[in-house]
PDB file of N, CA and C in Angstrom:
ATOM      1  N   UNK A   1     -19.846  -6.870   3.733  1.00  0.00           N
ATOM      2  CA  UNK A   1     -19.905  -8.181   4.349  1.00  0.00           C
ATOM      3  C   UNK A   1     -21.408  -8.652   3.924  1.00  0.00           C
ATOM      4  N   UNK A   2     -21.643  -9.597   3.491  1.00  0.00           N
ATOM      5  CA  UNK A   2     -22.906 -10.175   3.030  1.00  0.00           C
ATOM      6  C   UNK A   2     -24.153 -10.604   3.661  1.00  0.00           C
ATOM      7  N   UNK A   3     -25.248  -9.693   3.453  1.00  0.00           N
ATOM      8  CA  UNK A   3     -26.304  -9.725   4.707  1.00  0.00           C
ATOM      9  C   UNK A   3     -27.298 -10.782   3.949  1.00  0.00           C
ATOM     10  N   UNK A   4     -27.285 -10.921   2.792  1.00  0.00           N
ATOM     11  CA  UNK A   4     -28.398 -11.906   1.935  1.00  0.00           C
ATOM     12  C   UNK A   4     -28.880 -12.758   2.373  1.00  0.00           C
ATOM     13  N   UNK A   5     -28.434 -13.657   3.453  1.00  0.00           N
ATOM     14  CA  UNK A   5     -28.766 -14.931   4.118  1.00  0.00           C
ATOM     15  C   UNK A   5     -29.639 -14.299   5.437  1.00  0.00           C
ATOM     16  N   UNK A   6     -29.453 -13.313   5.680  1.00  0.00           N
ATOM     17  CA  UNK A   6     -30.371 -12.227   6.362  1.00  0.00           C
ATOM     18  C   UNK A   6     -31.554 -12.026   5.970  1.00  0.00           C
ATOM     19  N   UNK A   7     -32.121 -11.936   4.647  1.00  0.00           N
ATOM     20  CA  UNK A   7     -33.356 -12.045   3.989  1.00  0.00           C
ATOM     21  C   UNK A   7     -33.747 -13.016   4.035  1.00  0.00           C
ATOM     22  N   UNK A   8     -34.899 -13.046   4.354  1.00  0.00           N
ATOM     23  CA  UNK A   8     -35.623 -14.791   5.357  1.00  0.00           C
ATOM     24  C   UNK A   8     -36.929 -14.613   4.000  1.00  0.00           C
ATOM     25  N   UNK A   9     -37.319 -15.825   3.243  1.00  0.00           N
ATOM     26  CA  UNK A   9     -38.421 -16.099   2.773  1.00  0.00           C
ATOM     27  C   UNK A   9     -39.380 -16.264   3.501  1.00  0.00           C
ATOM     28  N   UNK A  10     -40.703 -15.800   3.515  1.00  0.00           N
ATOM     29  CA  UNK A  10     -41.816 -16.312   3.852  1.00  0.00           C
ATOM     30  C   UNK A  10     -42.115 -17.554   3.614  1.00  0.00           C
ATOM     31  N   UNK A  11     -42.639 -18.890   4.892  1.00  0.00           N
ATOM     32  CA  UNK A  11     -42.708 -20.155   4.642  1.00  0.00           C
ATOM     33  C   UNK A  11     -44.219 -20.098   4.368  1.00  0.00           C
ATOM     34  N   UNK A  12     -44.376 -21.173   3.700  1.00  0.00           N
ATOM     35  CA  UNK A  12     -45.937 -21.572   3.233  1.00  0.00           C
ATOM     36  C   UNK A  12     -47.233 -21.548   4.717  1.00  0.00           C
ATOM     37  N   UNK A  13     -46.611 -22.163   5.715  1.00  0.00           N
ATOM     38  CA  UNK A  13     -47.005 -21.596   7.121  1.00  0.00           C
ATOM     39  C   UNK A  13     -47.278 -20.554   7.581  1.00  0.00           C
ATOM     40  N   UNK A  14     -46.604 -19.557   7.337  1.00  0.00           N
ATOM     41  CA  UNK A  14     -46.659 -18.293   7.570  1.00  0.00           C
ATOM     42  C   UNK A  14     -47.595 -17.584   6.504  1.00  0.00           C
ATOM     43  N   UNK A  15     -47.920 -17.816   5.189  1.00  0.00           N
ATOM     44  CA  UNK A  15     -48.681 -17.222   4.099  1.00  0.00           C
ATOM     45  C   UNK A  15     -49.985 -17.658   4.641  1.00  0.00           C
ATOM     46  N   UNK A  16     -49.852 -18.912   4.956  1.00  0.00           N
ATOM     47  CA  UNK A  16     -51.317 -19.487   5.498  1.00  0.00           C
ATOM     48  C   UNK A  16     -51.803 -18.875   6.553  1.00  0.00           C
ATOM     49  N   UNK A  17     -51.258 -18.678   7.493  1.00  0.00           N
ATOM     50  CA  UNK A  17     -51.480 -17.660   8.582  1.00  0.00           C
ATOM     51  C   UNK A  17     -51.778 -16.202   8.155  1.00  0.00           C
ATOM     52  N   UNK A  18     -51.312 -15.846   7.312  1.00  0.00           N
ATOM     53  CA  UNK A  18     -51.817 -14.525   7.140  1.00  0.00           C
ATOM     54  C   UNK A  18     -52.863 -14.426   6.467  1.00  0.00           C
ATOM     55  N   UNK A  19     -53.392 -15.523   5.522  1.00  0.00           N
ATOM     56  CA  UNK A  19     -54.863 -15.434   4.726  1.00  0.00           C
ATOM     57  C   UNK A  19     -55.726 -15.825   5.644  1.00  0.00           C
ATOM     58  N   UNK A  20     -55.390 -16.953   6.715  1.00  0.00           N
ATOM     59  CA  UNK A  20     -56.251 -17.018   8.006  1.00  0.00           C
ATOM     60  C   UNK A  20     -56.476 -15.962   8.701  1.00  0.00           C
ATOM     61  N   UNK A  21     -55.503 -15.097   9.057  1.00  0.00           N
ATOM     62  CA  UNK A  21     -55.847 -14.087  10.295  1.00  0.00           C
ATOM     63  C   UNK A  21     -55.829 -12.819   9.362  1.00  0.00           C
ATOM     64  N   UNK A  22     -55.726 -12.587   8.212  1.00  0.00           N
ATOM     65  CA  UNK A  22     -55.646 -11.334   7.259  1.00  0.00           C
ATOM     66  C   UNK A  22     -54.623 -10.433   8.112  1.00  0.00           C
ATOM     67  N   UNK A  23     -53.708 -11.015   8.510  1.00  0.00           N
ATOM     68  CA  UNK A  23     -52.243 -10.442   9.193  1.00  0.00           C
ATOM     69  C   UNK A  23     -51.329 -11.124   9.315  1.00  0.00           C
ATOM     70  N   UNK A  24     -49.858 -10.556   9.327  1.00  0.00           N
ATOM     71  CA  UNK A  24     -48.886 -11.666   9.212  1.00  0.00           C
ATOM     72  C   UNK A  24     -49.130 -12.330  10.693  1.00  0.00           C
ATOM     73  N   UNK A  25     -48.814 -13.410  11.036  1.00  0.00           N
ATOM     74  CA  UNK A  25     -48.032 -13.492  12.277  1.00  0.00           C
ATOM     75  C   UNK A  25     -47.592 -13.185  13.044  1.00  0.00           C
ATOM     76  N   UNK A  26     -47.596 -13.531  14.572  1.00  0.00           N
ATOM     77  CA  UNK A  26     -46.885 -12.460  15.465  1.00  0.00           C
ATOM     78  C   UNK A  26     -45.213 -13.115  15.223  1.00  0.00           C
ATOM     79  N   UNK A  27     -44.665 -14.118  14.561  1.00  0.00           N
ATOM     80  CA  UNK A  27     -43.677 -14.378  14.515  1.00  0.00           C
ATOM     81  C   UNK A  27     -42.691 -13.563  13.512  1.00  0.00           C
ATOM     82  N   UNK A  28     -43.824 -13.243  12.648  1.00  0.00           N
ATOM     83  CA  UNK A  28     -43.028 -12.085  11.708  1.00  0.00           C
ATOM     84  C   UNK A  28     -43.153 -10.710  12.097  1.00  0.00           C
ATOM     85  N   UNK A  29     -44.178 -10.111  12.597  1.00  0.00           N
ATOM     86  CA  UNK A  29     -44.166  -9.092  12.916  1.00  0.00           C
ATOM     87  C   UNK A  29     -43.257  -8.319  14.308  1.00  0.00           C
ATOM     88  N   UNK A  30     -43.110  -9.379  14.849  1.00  0.00           N
ATOM     89  CA  UNK A  30     -42.304  -9.068  16.157  1.00  0.00           C
ATOM     90  C   UNK A  30     -40.767  -9.858  16.058  1.00  0.00           C
ATOM     91  N   UNK A  31     -40.232 -10.203  15.000  1.00  0.00           N
ATOM     92  CA  UNK A  31     -39.387 -10.652  14.613  1.00  0.00           C
ATOM     93  C   UNK A  31     -37.956  -9.902  15.255  1.00  0.00           C
ATOM     94  N   UNK A  32     -38.350  -8.669  15.025  1.00  0.00           N
ATOM     95  CA  UNK A  32     -37.135  -7.515  15.681  1.00  0.00           C
ATOM     96  C   UNK A  32     -38.044  -6.251  15.749  1.00  0.00           C
ATOM     97  N   UNK A  33     -37.514  -4.834  16.091  1.00  0.00           N
ATOM     98  CA  UNK A  33     -38.028  -3.743  16.613  1.00  0.00           C
ATOM     99  C   UNK A  33     -38.321  -3.402  15.387  1.00  0.00           C
ATOM    100  N   UNK A  34     -37.848  -3.329  14.062  1.00  0.00           N
ATOM    101  CA  UNK A  34     -38.483  -3.039  12.577  1.00  0.00           C
ATOM    102  C   UNK A  34     -38.162  -4.282  12.000  1.00  0.00           C
ATOM    103  N   UNK A  35     -39.381  -4.808  11.410  1.00  0.00           N
ATOM    104  CA  UNK A  35     -39.639  -5.611  10.284  1.00  0.00           C
ATOM    105  C   UNK A  35     -40.458  -5.118   8.575  1.00  0.00           C
ATOM    106  N   UNK A  36     -40.027  -5.653   7.642  1.00  0.00           N
ATOM    107  CA  UNK A  36     -40.083  -4.976   6.706  1.00  0.00           C
ATOM    108  C   UNK A  36     -40.500  -6.626   5.972  1.00  0.00           C
ATOM    109  N   UNK A  37     -41.838  -6.381   4.838  1.00  0.00           N
ATOM    110  CA  UNK A  37     -42.421  -7.893   4.489  1.00  0.00           C
ATOM    111  C   UNK A  37     -42.519  -7.030   2.981  1.00  0.00           C
ATOM    112  N   UNK A  38     -42.051  -7.999   2.186  1.00  0.00           N
ATOM    113  CA  UNK A  38     -42.052  -7.597   0.763  1.00  0.00           C
ATOM    114  C   UNK A  38     -42.988  -8.491  -0.151  1.00  0.00           C
ATOM    115  N   UNK A  39     -44.154  -8.634  -0.296  1.00  0.00           N
ATOM    116  CA  UNK A  39     -44.658  -9.410  -1.334  1.00  0.00           C
ATOM    117  C   UNK A  39     -44.423  -8.809  -2.791  1.00  0.00           C
ATOM    118  N   UNK A  40     -44.095  -9.726  -3.506  1.00  0.00           N
ATOM    119  CA  UNK A  40     -43.927  -9.175  -4.785  1.00  0.00           C
ATOM    120  C   UNK A  40     -43.647 -10.839  -5.661  1.00  0.00           C
ATOM    121  N   UNK A  41     -43.531 -10.235  -7.399  1.00  0.00           N
ATOM    122  CA  UNK A  41     -43.067 -11.191  -8.055  1.00  0.00           C
ATOM    123  C   UNK A  41     -42.140 -11.260  -8.906  1.00  0.00           C
ATOM    124  N   UNK A  42     -41.503 -12.375  -9.432  1.00  0.00           N
ATOM    125  CA  UNK A  42     -40.172 -12.438  -9.592  1.00  0.00           C
ATOM    126  C   UNK A  42     -39.826 -11.537 -11.051  1.00  0.00           C
ATOM    127  N   UNK A  43     -41.071 -11.453 -11.860  1.00  0.00           N
ATOM    128  CA  UNK A  43     -40.565 -10.693 -13.065  1.00  0.00           C
ATOM    129  C   UNK A  43     -40.514  -9.421 -13.022  1.00  0.00           C
ATOM    130  N   UNK A  44     -40.645  -8.858 -11.942  1.00  0.00           N
ATOM    131  CA  UNK A  44     -40.718  -6.905 -11.676  1.00  0.00           C
ATOM    132  C   UNK A  44     -39.803  -6.728 -11.769  1.00  0.00           C
ATOM    133  N   UNK A  45     -39.513  -5.404 -12.495  1.00  0.00           N
ATOM    134  CA  UNK A  45     -37.986  -4.530 -12.366  1.00  0.00           C
ATOM    135  C   UNK A  45     -37.868  -4.010 -11.321  1.00  0.00           C
ATOM    136  N   UNK A  46     -39.027  -3.318 -10.690  1.00  0.00           N
ATOM    137  CA  UNK A  46     -38.689  -2.617  -9.390  1.00  0.00           C
ATOM    138  C   UNK A  46     -38.439  -3.764  -8.088  1.00  0.00           C
ATOM    139  N   UNK A  47     -38.814  -4.790  -8.238  1.00  0.00           N
ATOM    140  CA  UNK A  47     -38.289  -5.733  -7.447  1.00  0.00           C
ATOM    141  C   UNK A  47     -37.079  -6.281  -7.610  1.00  0.00           C
ATOM    142  N   UNK A  48     -36.451  -6.559  -8.543  1.00  0.00           N
ATOM    143  CA  UNK A  48     -34.862  -6.845  -8.654  1.00  0.00           C
ATOM    144  C   UNK A  48     -34.185  -5.369  -8.129  1.00  0.00           C
ATOM    145  N   UNK A  49     -34.695  -4.068  -8.495  1.00  0.00           N
ATOM    146  CA  UNK A  49     -33.905  -2.891  -7.779  1.00  0.00           C
ATOM    147  C   UNK A  49     -33.956  -3.191  -6.299  1.00  0.00           C
ATOM    148  N   UNK A  50     -35.362  -3.512  -5.796  1.00  0.00           N
ATOM    149  CA  UNK A  50     -35.522  -3.386  -4.287  1.00  0.00           C
ATOM    150  C   UNK A  50     -34.377  -4.894  -3.518  1.00  0.00           C
ATOM    151  N   UNK A  51     -34.471  -5.809  -4.507  1.00  0.00           N
ATOM    152  CA  UNK A  51     -33.842  -7.024  -3.745  1.00  0.00           C
ATOM    153  C   UNK A  51     -32.453  -6.852  -3.675  1.00  0.00           C
ATOM    154  N   UNK A  52     -31.900  -5.806  -4.674  1.00  0.00           N
ATOM    155  CA  UNK A  52     -30.384  -5.500  -4.618  1.00  0.00           C
ATOM    156  C   UNK A  52     -29.957  -4.873  -3.545  1.00  0.00           C
ATOM    157  N   UNK A  53     -30.820  -3.586  -2.718  1.00  0.00           N
ATOM    158  CA  UNK A  53     -30.428  -3.266  -1.864  1.00  0.00           C
ATOM    159  C   UNK A  53     -30.852  -4.041  -0.531  1.00  0.00           C
ATOM    160  N   UNK A  54     -32.117  -4.652  -0.442  1.00  0.00           N
ATOM    161  CA  UNK A  54     -32.585  -5.130   1.032  1.00  0.00           C
ATOM    162  C   UNK A  54     -31.622  -5.707   2.087  1.00  0.00           C
ATOM    163  N   UNK A  55     -30.654  -6.536   0.852  1.00  0.00           N
ATOM    164  CA  UNK A  55     -29.746  -7.265   2.336  1.00  0.00           C
ATOM    165  C   UNK A  55     -28.712  -5.859   3.031  1.00  0.00           C
ATOM    166  N   UNK A  56     -28.614  -4.835   2.412  1.00  0.00           N
ATOM    167  CA  UNK A  56     -27.390  -3.893   3.431  1.00  0.00           C
ATOM    168  C   UNK A  56     -28.385  -3.274   4.267  1.00  0.00           C
ATOM    169  N   UNK A  57     -30.125  -3.559   4.477  1.00  0.00           N
ATOM    170  CA  UNK A  57     -30.400  -3.103   5.788  1.00  0.00           C
ATOM    171  C   UNK A  57     -30.883  -4.172   6.938  1.00  0.00           C
ATOM    172  N   UNK A  58     -30.478  -5.437   6.268  1.00  0.00           N
ATOM    173  CA  UNK A  58     -30.599  -6.595   7.324  1.00  0.00           C
ATOM    174  C   UNK A  58     -30.183  -6.619   8.672  1.00  0.00           C
ATOM    175  N   UNK A  59     -29.134  -5.680   8.960  1.00  0.00           N
ATOM    176  CA  UNK A  59     -28.399  -4.977  10.220  1.00  0.00           C
ATOM    177  C   UNK A  59     -29.612  -4.249  11.242  1.00  0.00           C
ATOM    178  N   UNK A  60     -30.754  -3.608  10.508  1.00  0.00           N
ATOM    179  CA  UNK A  60     -31.463  -2.793  10.706  1.00  0.00           C
ATOM    180  C   UNK A  60     -32.681  -2.959  10.891  1.00  0.00           C
ATOM    181  N   UNK A  61     -33.061  -4.268  10.280  1.00  0.00           N
ATOM    182  CA  UNK A  61     -34.688  -4.694  10.383  1.00  0.00           C
ATOM    183  C   UNK A  61     -34.337  -6.267  10.098  1.00  0.00           C
ATOM    184  N   UNK A  62     -35.837  -6.770  10.406  1.00  0.00           N
ATOM    185  CA  UNK A  62     -35.872  -8.222   9.789  1.00  0.00           C
ATOM    186  C   UNK A  62     -36.426  -8.011   8.573  1.00  0.00           C
ATOM    187  N   UNK A  63     -36.035  -8.466   7.798  1.00  0.00           N
ATOM    188  CA  UNK A  63     -36.687  -8.446   6.277  1.00  0.00           C
ATOM    189  C   UNK A  63     -37.692  -9.981   6.065  1.00  0.00           C
ATOM    190  N   UNK A  64     -38.516  -9.779   5.116  1.00  0.00           N
ATOM    191  CA  UNK A  64     -39.073 -11.113   4.870  1.00  0.00           C
ATOM    192  C   UNK A  64     -39.681 -10.662   3.036  1.00  0.00           C
ATOM    193  N   UNK A  65     -39.235 -11.798   2.449  1.00  0.00           N
ATOM    194  CA  UNK A  65     -40.045 -11.339   1.200  1.00  0.00           C
ATOM    195  C   UNK A  65     -40.724 -12.674   0.964  1.00  0.00           C
ATOM    196  N   UNK A  66     -41.926 -12.606  -0.485  1.00  0.00           N
ATOM    197  CA  UNK A  66     -42.296 -13.711  -0.908  1.00  0.00           C
ATOM    198  C   UNK A  66     -42.091 -13.574  -2.208  1.00  0.00           C
ATOM    199  N   UNK A  67     -41.958 -14.281  -3.353  1.00  0.00           N
ATOM    200  CA  UNK A  67     -42.148 -13.778  -5.020  1.00  0.00           C
ATOM    201  C   UNK A  67     -43.370 -15.195  -4.980  1.00  0.00           C
ATOM    202  N   UNK A  68     -44.352 -14.717  -4.550  1.00  0.00           N
ATOM    203  CA  UNK A  68     -45.874 -15.428  -4.906  1.00  0.00           C
ATOM    204  C   UNK A  68     -46.144 -16.009  -6.177  1.00  0.00           C
ATOM    205  N   UNK A  69     -45.660 -15.228  -7.252  1.00  0.00           N
ATOM    206  CA  UNK A  69     -45.936 -15.795  -8.408  1.00  0.00           C
ATOM    207  C   UNK A  69     -45.202 -17.170  -8.593  1.00  0.00           C
ATOM    208  N   UNK A  70     -44.368 -17.344  -7.828  1.00  0.00           N
ATOM    209  CA  UNK A  70     -43.405 -18.813  -7.692  1.00  0.00           C
ATOM    210  C   UNK A  70     -44.163 -20.014  -7.023  1.00  0.00           C
ATOM    211  N   UNK A  71     -45.430 -19.465  -6.178  1.00  0.00           N
ATOM    212  CA  UNK A  71     -45.720 -20.705  -5.606  1.00  0.00           C
ATOM    213  C   UNK A  71     -47.005 -21.292  -6.154  1.00  0.00           C
ATOM    214  N   UNK A  72     -47.489 -22.261  -5.860  1.00  0.00           N
ATOM    215  CA  UNK A  72     -48.403 -23.233  -5.913  1.00  0.00           C
ATOM    216  C   UNK A  72     -49.892 -22.591  -6.302  1.00  0.00           C
ATOM    217  N   UNK A  73     -49.785 -21.809  -4.723  1.00  0.00           N
ATOM    218  CA  UNK A  73     -51.415 -20.989  -4.706  1.00  0.00           C
ATOM    219  C   UNK A  73     -51.153 -19.960  -4.730  1.00  0.00           C
ATOM    220  N   UNK A  74     -50.483 -19.189  -5.856  1.00  0.00           N
ATOM    221  CA  UNK A  74     -50.255 -17.712  -6.732  1.00  0.00           C
ATOM    222  C   UNK A  74     -51.452 -17.162  -6.439  1.00  0.00           C
ATOM    223  N   UNK A  75     -52.805 -17.797  -7.132  1.00  0.00           N
ATOM    224  CA  UNK A  75     -53.724 -16.772  -7.427  1.00  0.00           C
ATOM    225  C   UNK A  75     -54.715 -16.727  -6.118  1.00  0.00           C
ATOM    226  N   UNK A  76     -53.995 -17.304  -5.542  1.00  0.00           N
ATOM    227  CA  UNK A  76     -54.811 -17.156  -3.871  1.00  0.00           C
ATOM    228  C   UNK A  76     -54.251 -16.036  -3.094  1.00  0.00           C
ATOM    229  N   UNK A  77     -52.908 -16.002  -3.419  1.00  0.00           N
ATOM    230  CA  UNK A  77     -51.812 -15.056  -2.410  1.00  0.00           C
ATOM    231  C   UNK A  77     -52.357 -13.545  -3.350  1.00  0.00           C
ATOM    232  N   UNK A  78     -52.211 -13.685  -4.501  1.00  0.00           N
ATOM    233  CA  UNK A  78     -52.421 -12.525  -4.943  1.00  0.00           C
ATOM    234  C   UNK A  78     -54.037 -11.763  -4.970  1.00  0.00           C
ATOM    235  N   UNK A  79     -54.953 -12.951  -4.852  1.00  0.00           N
ATOM    236  CA  UNK A  79     -56.181 -12.258  -4.967  1.00  0.00           C
ATOM    237  C   UNK A  79     -56.306 -11.353  -3.184  1.00  0.00           C
ATOM    238  N   UNK A  80     -55.879 -12.449  -2.053  1.00  0.00           N
ATOM    239  CA  UNK A  80     -55.578 -11.952  -1.044  1.00  0.00           C
ATOM    240  C   UNK A  80     -55.081 -10.600  -0.878  1.00  0.00           C
ATOM    241  N   UNK A  81     -53.960 -10.533  -1.576  1.00  0.00           N
ATOM    242  CA  UNK A  81     -53.176  -9.383  -1.573  1.00  0.00           C
ATOM    243  C   UNK A  81     -54.294  -8.126  -1.853  1.00  0.00           C
ATOM    244  N   UNK A  82     -54.746  -8.450  -3.091  1.00  0.00           N
ATOM    245  CA  UNK A  82     -55.374  -7.126  -3.487  1.00  0.00           C
ATOM    246  C   UNK A  82     -56.546  -7.116  -2.774  1.00  0.00           C
ATOM    247  N   UNK A  83     -57.444  -7.832  -2.391  1.00  0.00           N
ATOM    248  CA  UNK A  83     -58.809  -7.354  -1.555  1.00  0.00           C
ATOM    249  C   UNK A  83     -58.417  -7.539  -0.286  1.00  0.00           C
ATOM    250  N   UNK A  84     -57.753  -7.938   0.268  1.00  0.00           N
ATOM    251  CA  UNK A  84     -57.493  -7.744   1.753  1.00  0.00           C
ATOM    252  C   UNK A  84     -56.445  -6.241   2.190  1.00  0.00           C
ATOM    253  N   UNK A  85     -55.324  -6.542   1.145  1.00  0.00           N
ATOM    254  CA  UNK A  85     -54.840  -5.331   1.549  1.00  0.00           C
ATOM    255  C   UNK A  85     -54.844  -4.276   0.422  1.00  0.00           C
ATOM    256  N   UNK A  86     -55.760  -4.179  -0.758  1.00  0.00           N
ATOM    257  CA  UNK A  86     -56.244  -3.351  -1.604  1.00  0.00           C
ATOM    258  C   UNK A  86     -55.003  -2.665  -2.072  1.00  0.00           C
ATOM    259  N   UNK A  87     -54.027  -3.976  -2.815  1.00  0.00           N
ATOM    260  CA  UNK A  87     -52.831  -3.361  -3.391  1.00  0.00           C
ATOM    261  C   UNK A  87     -52.751  -4.437  -4.627  1.00  0.00           C
ATOM    262  N   UNK A  88     -52.942  -3.791  -5.825  1.00  0.00           N
ATOM    263  CA  UNK A  88     -52.497  -4.446  -6.734  1.00  0.00           C
ATOM    264  C   UNK A  88     -51.631  -4.750  -7.577  1.00  0.00           C
ATOM    265  N   UNK A  89     -50.569  -3.811  -6.861  1.00  0.00           N
ATOM    266  CA  UNK A  89     -49.255  -3.803  -7.573  1.00  0.00           C
ATOM    267  C   UNK A  89     -47.873  -4.294  -7.153  1.00  0.00           C
ATOM    268  N   UNK A  90     -46.786  -4.995  -7.558  1.00  0.00           N
ATOM    269  CA  UNK A  90     -45.913  -5.256  -6.992  1.00  0.00           C
ATOM    270  C   UNK A  90     -44.448  -4.385  -7.579  1.00  0.00           C
ATOM    271  N   UNK A  91     -43.566  -4.490  -6.298  1.00  0.00           N
ATOM    272  CA  UNK A  91     -43.723  -4.947  -5.206  1.00  0.00           C
ATOM    273  C   UNK A  91     -44.466  -3.962  -4.005  1.00  0.00           C
ATOM    274  N   UNK A  92     -44.862  -4.832  -2.938  1.00  0.00           N
ATOM    275  CA  UNK A  92     -45.793  -4.306  -1.990  1.00  0.00           C
ATOM    276  C   UNK A  92     -45.054  -4.301  -0.785  1.00  0.00           C
ATOM    277  N   UNK A  93     -44.960  -3.385  -0.126  1.00  0.00           N
ATOM    278  CA  UNK A  93     -43.657  -3.511   1.067  1.00  0.00           C
ATOM    279  C   UNK A  93     -44.755  -2.822   2.590  1.00  0.00           C
ATOM    280  N   UNK A  94     -44.903  -4.040   3.545  1.00  0.00           N
ATOM    281  CA  UNK A  94     -45.477  -3.259   4.662  1.00  0.00           C
ATOM    282  C   UNK A  94     -44.240  -3.564   5.669  1.00  0.00           C
ATOM    283  N   UNK A  95     -44.427  -2.294   6.486  1.00  0.00           N
ATOM    284  CA  UNK A  95     -43.289  -1.916   7.500  1.00  0.00           C
ATOM    285  C   UNK A  95     -44.416  -1.859   8.893  1.00  0.00           C
ATOM    286  N   UNK A  96     -43.111  -2.405   9.676  1.00  0.00           N
ATOM    287  CA  UNK A  96     -43.661  -2.938  11.161  1.00  0.00           C
ATOM    288  C   UNK A  96     -42.833  -2.124  11.881  1.00  0.00           C
ATOM    289  N   UNK A  97     -43.658  -1.896  13.143  1.00  0.00           N
ATOM    290  CA  UNK A  97     -42.778  -1.461  14.312  1.00  0.00           C
ATOM    291  C   UNK A  97     -43.288  -1.417  15.784  1.00  0.00           C
ATOM    292  N   UNK A  98     -42.618  -2.649  16.556  1.00  0.00           N
ATOM    293  CA  UNK A  98     -42.750  -3.430  17.302  1.00  0.00           C
ATOM    294  C   UNK A  98     -44.167  -4.005  17.154  1.00  0.00           C
ATOM    295  N   UNK A  99     -43.932  -4.832  16.275  1.00  0.00           N
ATOM    296  CA  UNK A  99     -45.391  -5.609  15.646  1.00  0.00           C
ATOM    297  C   UNK A  99     -46.369  -4.779  15.283  1.00  0.00           C
ATOM    298  N   UNK A 100     -46.914  -3.529  15.048  1.00  0.00           N
ATOM    299  CA  UNK A 100     -47.681  -2.606  14.875  1.00  0.00           C
ATOM    300  C   UNK A 100     -47.528  -2.233  13.246  1.00  0.00           C
ATOM    301  N   UNK A 101     -48.269  -2.312  12.553  1.00  0.00           N
ATOM    302  CA  UNK A 101     -48.358  -1.637  11.275  1.00  0.00           C
ATOM    303  C   UNK A 101     -48.120  -0.121  11.037  1.00  0.00           C
ATOM    304  N   UNK A 102     -46.854   0.267  10.667  1.00  0.00           N
ATOM    305  CA  UNK A 102     -46.430   1.582  10.420  1.00  0.00           C
ATOM    306  C   UNK A 102     -46.338   2.457   9.015  1.00  0.00           C
ATOM    307  N   UNK A 103     -46.259   1.523   7.861  1.00  0.00           N
ATOM    308  CA  UNK A 103     -46.225   1.573   6.571  1.00  0.00           C
ATOM    309  C   UNK A 103     -46.429   0.985   5.468  1.00  0.00           C
ATOM    310  N   UNK A 104     -47.157   1.028   4.324  1.00  0.00           N
ATOM    311  CA  UNK A 104     -47.261   0.577   3.482  1.00  0.00           C
ATOM    312  C   UNK A 104     -46.906   1.320   2.242  1.00  0.00           C
ATOM    313  N   UNK A 105     -46.219   0.517   1.446  1.00  0.00           N
ATOM    314  CA  UNK A 105     -45.959   1.463   0.371  1.00  0.00           C
ATOM    315  C   UNK A 105     -45.409   0.349  -1.059  1.00  0.00           C
ATOM    316  N   UNK A 106     -45.312   0.877  -2.581  1.00  0.00           N
ATOM    317  CA  UNK A 106     -45.114  -0.297  -3.565  1.00  0.00           C
ATOM    318  C   UNK A 106     -43.488   0.302  -3.860  1.00  0.00           C
ATOM    319  N   UNK A 107     -42.658   0.142  -4.401  1.00  0.00           N
ATOM    320  CA  UNK A 107     -41.562   0.341  -4.910  1.00  0.00           C
ATOM    321  C   UNK A 107     -40.892   1.488  -4.407  1.00  0.00           C
ATOM    322  N   UNK A 108     -39.810   1.487  -3.570  1.00  0.00           N
ATOM    323  CA  UNK A 108     -39.334   3.020  -3.292  1.00  0.00           C
ATOM    324  C   UNK A 108     -38.085   2.683  -3.359  1.00  0.00           C
ATOM    325  N   UNK A 109     -37.511   3.706  -3.867  1.00  0.00           N
ATOM    326  CA  UNK A 109     -36.228   3.463  -3.897  1.00  0.00           C
ATOM    327  C   UNK A 109     -35.054   3.753  -2.586  1.00  0.00           C
ATOM    328  N   UNK A 110     -33.989   3.401  -2.714  1.00  0.00           N
ATOM    329  CA  UNK A 110     -33.216   2.817  -1.482  1.00  0.00           C
ATOM    330  C   UNK A 110     -33.094   4.060  -0.321  1.00  0.00           C
ATOM    331  N   UNK A 111     -32.952   5.143  -0.993  1.00  0.00           N
ATOM    332  CA  UNK A 111     -32.996   6.089   0.112  1.00  0.00           C
ATOM    333  C   UNK A 111     -34.200   6.194   0.802  1.00  0.00           C
ATOM    334  N   UNK A 112     -35.613   5.973   0.188  1.00  0.00           N
ATOM    335  CA  UNK A 112     -36.586   6.276   0.977  1.00  0.00           C
ATOM    336  C   UNK A 112     -36.891   4.879   1.657  1.00  0.00           C
ATOM    337  N   UNK A 113     -36.487   3.980   1.198  1.00  0.00           N
ATOM    338  CA  UNK A 113     -36.727   2.725   2.326  1.00  0.00           C
ATOM    339  C   UNK A 113     -35.755   3.007   3.635  1.00  0.00           C
ATOM    340  N   UNK A 114     -34.422   3.623   3.616  1.00  0.00           N
ATOM    341  CA  UNK A 114     -33.467   4.133   4.623  1.00  0.00           C
ATOM    342  C   UNK A 114     -34.475   5.119   5.339  1.00  0.00           C
ATOM    343  N   UNK A 115     -34.739   5.808   5.389  1.00  0.00           N
ATOM    344  CA  UNK A 115     -35.905   7.014   5.808  1.00  0.00           C
ATOM    345  C   UNK A 115     -36.598   6.331   6.545  1.00  0.00           C
ATOM    346  N   UNK A 116     -37.756   5.129   5.882  1.00  0.00           N
ATOM    347  CA  UNK A 116     -38.432   4.619   6.577  1.00  0.00           C
ATOM    348  C   UNK A 116     -38.168   4.146   7.838  1.00  0.00           C
ATOM    349  N   UNK A 117     -36.903   3.115   7.669  1.00  0.00           N
ATOM    350  CA  UNK A 117     -36.572   2.408   8.611  1.00  0.00           C
ATOM    351  C   UNK A 117     -36.043   3.631   9.966  1.00  0.00           C
ATOM    352  N   UNK A 118     -35.451   4.629   9.988  1.00  0.00           N
ATOM    353  CA  UNK A 118     -35.256   5.624  10.659  1.00  0.00           C
ATOM    354  C   UNK A 118     -36.078   6.262  11.488  1.00  0.00           C
ATOM    355  N   UNK A 119     -37.263   6.372  11.062  1.00  0.00           N
ATOM    356  CA  UNK A 119     -38.567   6.817  11.294  1.00  0.00           C
ATOM    357  C   UNK A 119     -38.811   6.535  12.868  1.00  0.00           C
TER     358      UNK A 119
END
């Protein structure tokens, strides 16, 4: 079964709300009981690895991604992530449970992602 369409790309409005409110909007955080958001850049080999397995988990969590280096406001998004979220690495993962942030991480292997969803 192909779940790739179940992995959603963050919209510009959602990114604008993130940078305005210093957190993802409720429509993201509450999209499902468990939500994973990955902020990354398309050149990153660790992102290629994660992107390959994320669709397999779309039945267990709402998954959102953004390759922010491909966006016109790349510098603004990167600066936000590095200063507000205090993370200068990619990919950057945030996991929410019932709308509350429960975990942040950078690249993780498939097995670790699966464990996080099961916590």
